[in-house]
């Protein structure tokens, strides 16, 4: 989880939410598979920014997505 903009862009600088806790953050998916991951964080750590999820893998480009 990172601090970002409503359009899903990461804010510059130290934007990682240190309070974020993932349930299953290191997974392997094969073609056609999916898995639901859950994250919690302290909303005060956003400092007014939009929560953004950064996804990446060794065979996929990094993508930033605004959290719902």
C-alpha atoms as a PDB file:
ATOM      1  CA  UNK A   1       0.000   0.000   0.000  1.00  0.00           C
ATOM      2  CA  UNK A   2       1.194   3.432  -0.927  1.00  0.00           C
ATOM      3  CA  UNK A   3       0.045   7.034  -0.733  1.00  0.00           C
ATOM      4  CA  UNK A   4      -1.140   8.142  -4.135  1.00  0.00           C
ATOM      5  CA  UNK A   5      -3.500  10.182  -6.263  1.00  0.00           C
ATOM      6  CA  UNK A   6      -7.127   9.454  -7.101  1.00  0.00           C
ATOM      7  CA  UNK A   7      -5.981   8.415 -10.596  1.00  0.00           C
ATOM      8  CA  UNK A   8      -3.729   5.728  -9.101  1.00  0.00           C
ATOM      9  CA  UNK A   9      -0.309   7.371  -9.379  1.00  0.00           C
ATOM     10  CA  UNK A  10       2.132   6.959  -6.493  1.00  0.00           C
ATOM     11  CA  UNK A  11       3.091  10.147  -4.680  1.00  0.00           C
ATOM     12  CA  UNK A  12       6.823  10.949  -4.856  1.00  0.00           C
ATOM     13  CA  UNK A  13       9.126  10.292  -1.913  1.00  0.00           C
ATOM     14  CA  UNK A  14       8.521   7.919   0.978  1.00  0.00           C
ATOM     15  CA  UNK A  15       4.969   6.852   0.094  1.00  0.00           C
ATOM     16  CA  UNK A  16       4.801   3.309   1.504  1.00  0.00           C
ATOM     17  CA  UNK A  17       2.301   2.744   4.324  1.00  0.00           C
ATOM     18  CA  UNK A  18       4.318   1.053   7.048  1.00  0.00           C
ATOM     19  CA  UNK A  19       1.100   0.123   8.865  1.00  0.00           C
ATOM     20  CA  UNK A  20      -0.161  -2.055   5.985  1.00  0.00           C
ATOM     21  CA  UNK A  21      -0.504  -5.756   6.796  1.00  0.00           C
ATOM     22  CA  UNK A  22      -1.174  -8.213   3.971  1.00  0.00           C
ATOM     23  CA  UNK A  23      -2.736 -11.642   4.336  1.00  0.00           C
ATOM     24  CA  UNK A  24      -0.816 -13.550   1.671  1.00  0.00           C
ATOM     25  CA  UNK A  25       1.495 -11.155  -0.167  1.00  0.00           C
ATOM     26  CA  UNK A  26       3.897 -13.603  -1.827  1.00  0.00           C
ATOM     27  CA  UNK A  27       1.891 -15.832  -4.151  1.00  0.00           C
ATOM     28  CA  UNK A  28       2.340 -17.776  -7.367  1.00  0.00           C
ATOM     29  CA  UNK A  29      -0.387 -17.781 -10.007  1.00  0.00           C
ATOM     30  CA  UNK A  30      -0.469 -19.937 -13.112  1.00  0.00           C
ATOM     31  CA  UNK A  31      -2.372 -18.938 -16.279  1.00  0.00           C
ATOM     32  CA  UNK A  32      -6.101 -18.723 -15.596  1.00  0.00           C
ATOM     33  CA  UNK A  33      -5.699 -18.678 -11.796  1.00  0.00           C
ATOM     34  CA  UNK A  34      -6.694 -15.911  -9.427  1.00  0.00           C
ATOM     35  CA  UNK A  35      -6.462 -15.291  -5.709  1.00  0.00           C
ATOM     36  CA  UNK A  36      -8.031 -12.719  -3.395  1.00  0.00           C
ATOM     37  CA  UNK A  37      -5.642 -10.863  -1.090  1.00  0.00           C
ATOM     38  CA  UNK A  38      -6.650  -8.726   1.894  1.00  0.00           C
ATOM     39  CA  UNK A  39      -4.755  -5.747   3.288  1.00  0.00           C
ATOM     40  CA  UNK A  40      -5.428  -3.542   6.300  1.00  0.00           C
ATOM     41  CA  UNK A  41      -3.809  -0.209   7.152  1.00  0.00           C
ATOM     42  CA  UNK A  42      -4.141   2.758   9.460  1.00  0.00           C
ATOM     43  CA  UNK A  43      -6.082   5.379   7.464  1.00  0.00           C
ATOM     44  CA  UNK A  44      -4.314   8.215   9.333  1.00  0.00           C
ATOM     45  CA  UNK A  45      -1.081   7.098   7.627  1.00  0.00           C
ATOM     46  CA  UNK A  46      -2.546   8.184   4.268  1.00  0.00           C
ATOM     47  CA  UNK A  47      -2.205  11.840   5.345  1.00  0.00           C
ATOM     48  CA  UNK A  48      -5.148  12.736   3.080  1.00  0.00           C
ATOM     49  CA  UNK A  49      -3.863  10.813   0.043  1.00  0.00           C
ATOM     50  CA  UNK A  50      -5.601   8.026  -1.855  1.00  0.00           C
ATOM     51  CA  UNK A  51      -4.550   4.432  -1.010  1.00  0.00           C
ATOM     52  CA  UNK A  52      -2.789   2.864  -4.001  1.00  0.00           C
ATOM     53  CA  UNK A  53      -1.897  -0.814  -4.444  1.00  0.00           C
ATOM     54  CA  UNK A  54       1.317  -1.545  -6.370  1.00  0.00           C
ATOM     55  CA  UNK A  55       1.394  -4.916  -8.156  1.00  0.00           C
ATOM     56  CA  UNK A  56       4.422  -6.449  -9.846  1.00  0.00           C
ATOM     57  CA  UNK A  57       5.969  -9.754 -10.743  1.00  0.00           C
ATOM     58  CA  UNK A  58       8.979 -11.163 -12.515  1.00  0.00           C
ATOM     59  CA  UNK A  59       6.955 -11.654 -15.704  1.00  0.00           C
ATOM     60  CA  UNK A  60       4.533  -8.712 -15.529  1.00  0.00           C
ATOM     61  CA  UNK A  61       5.110  -4.946 -15.510  1.00  0.00           C
ATOM     62  CA  UNK A  62       4.434  -2.930 -12.361  1.00  0.00           C
ATOM     63  CA  UNK A  63       0.892  -1.567 -12.112  1.00  0.00           C
ATOM     64  CA  UNK A  64      -0.475   0.961  -9.588  1.00  0.00           C
ATOM     65  CA  UNK A  65      -4.205   0.768  -8.828  1.00  0.00           C
ATOM     66  CA  UNK A  66      -6.252   3.071  -6.558  1.00  0.00           C
ATOM     67  CA  UNK A  67      -7.803   1.030  -3.764  1.00  0.00           C
ATOM     68  CA  UNK A  68     -11.614   1.056  -3.565  1.00  0.00           C
END
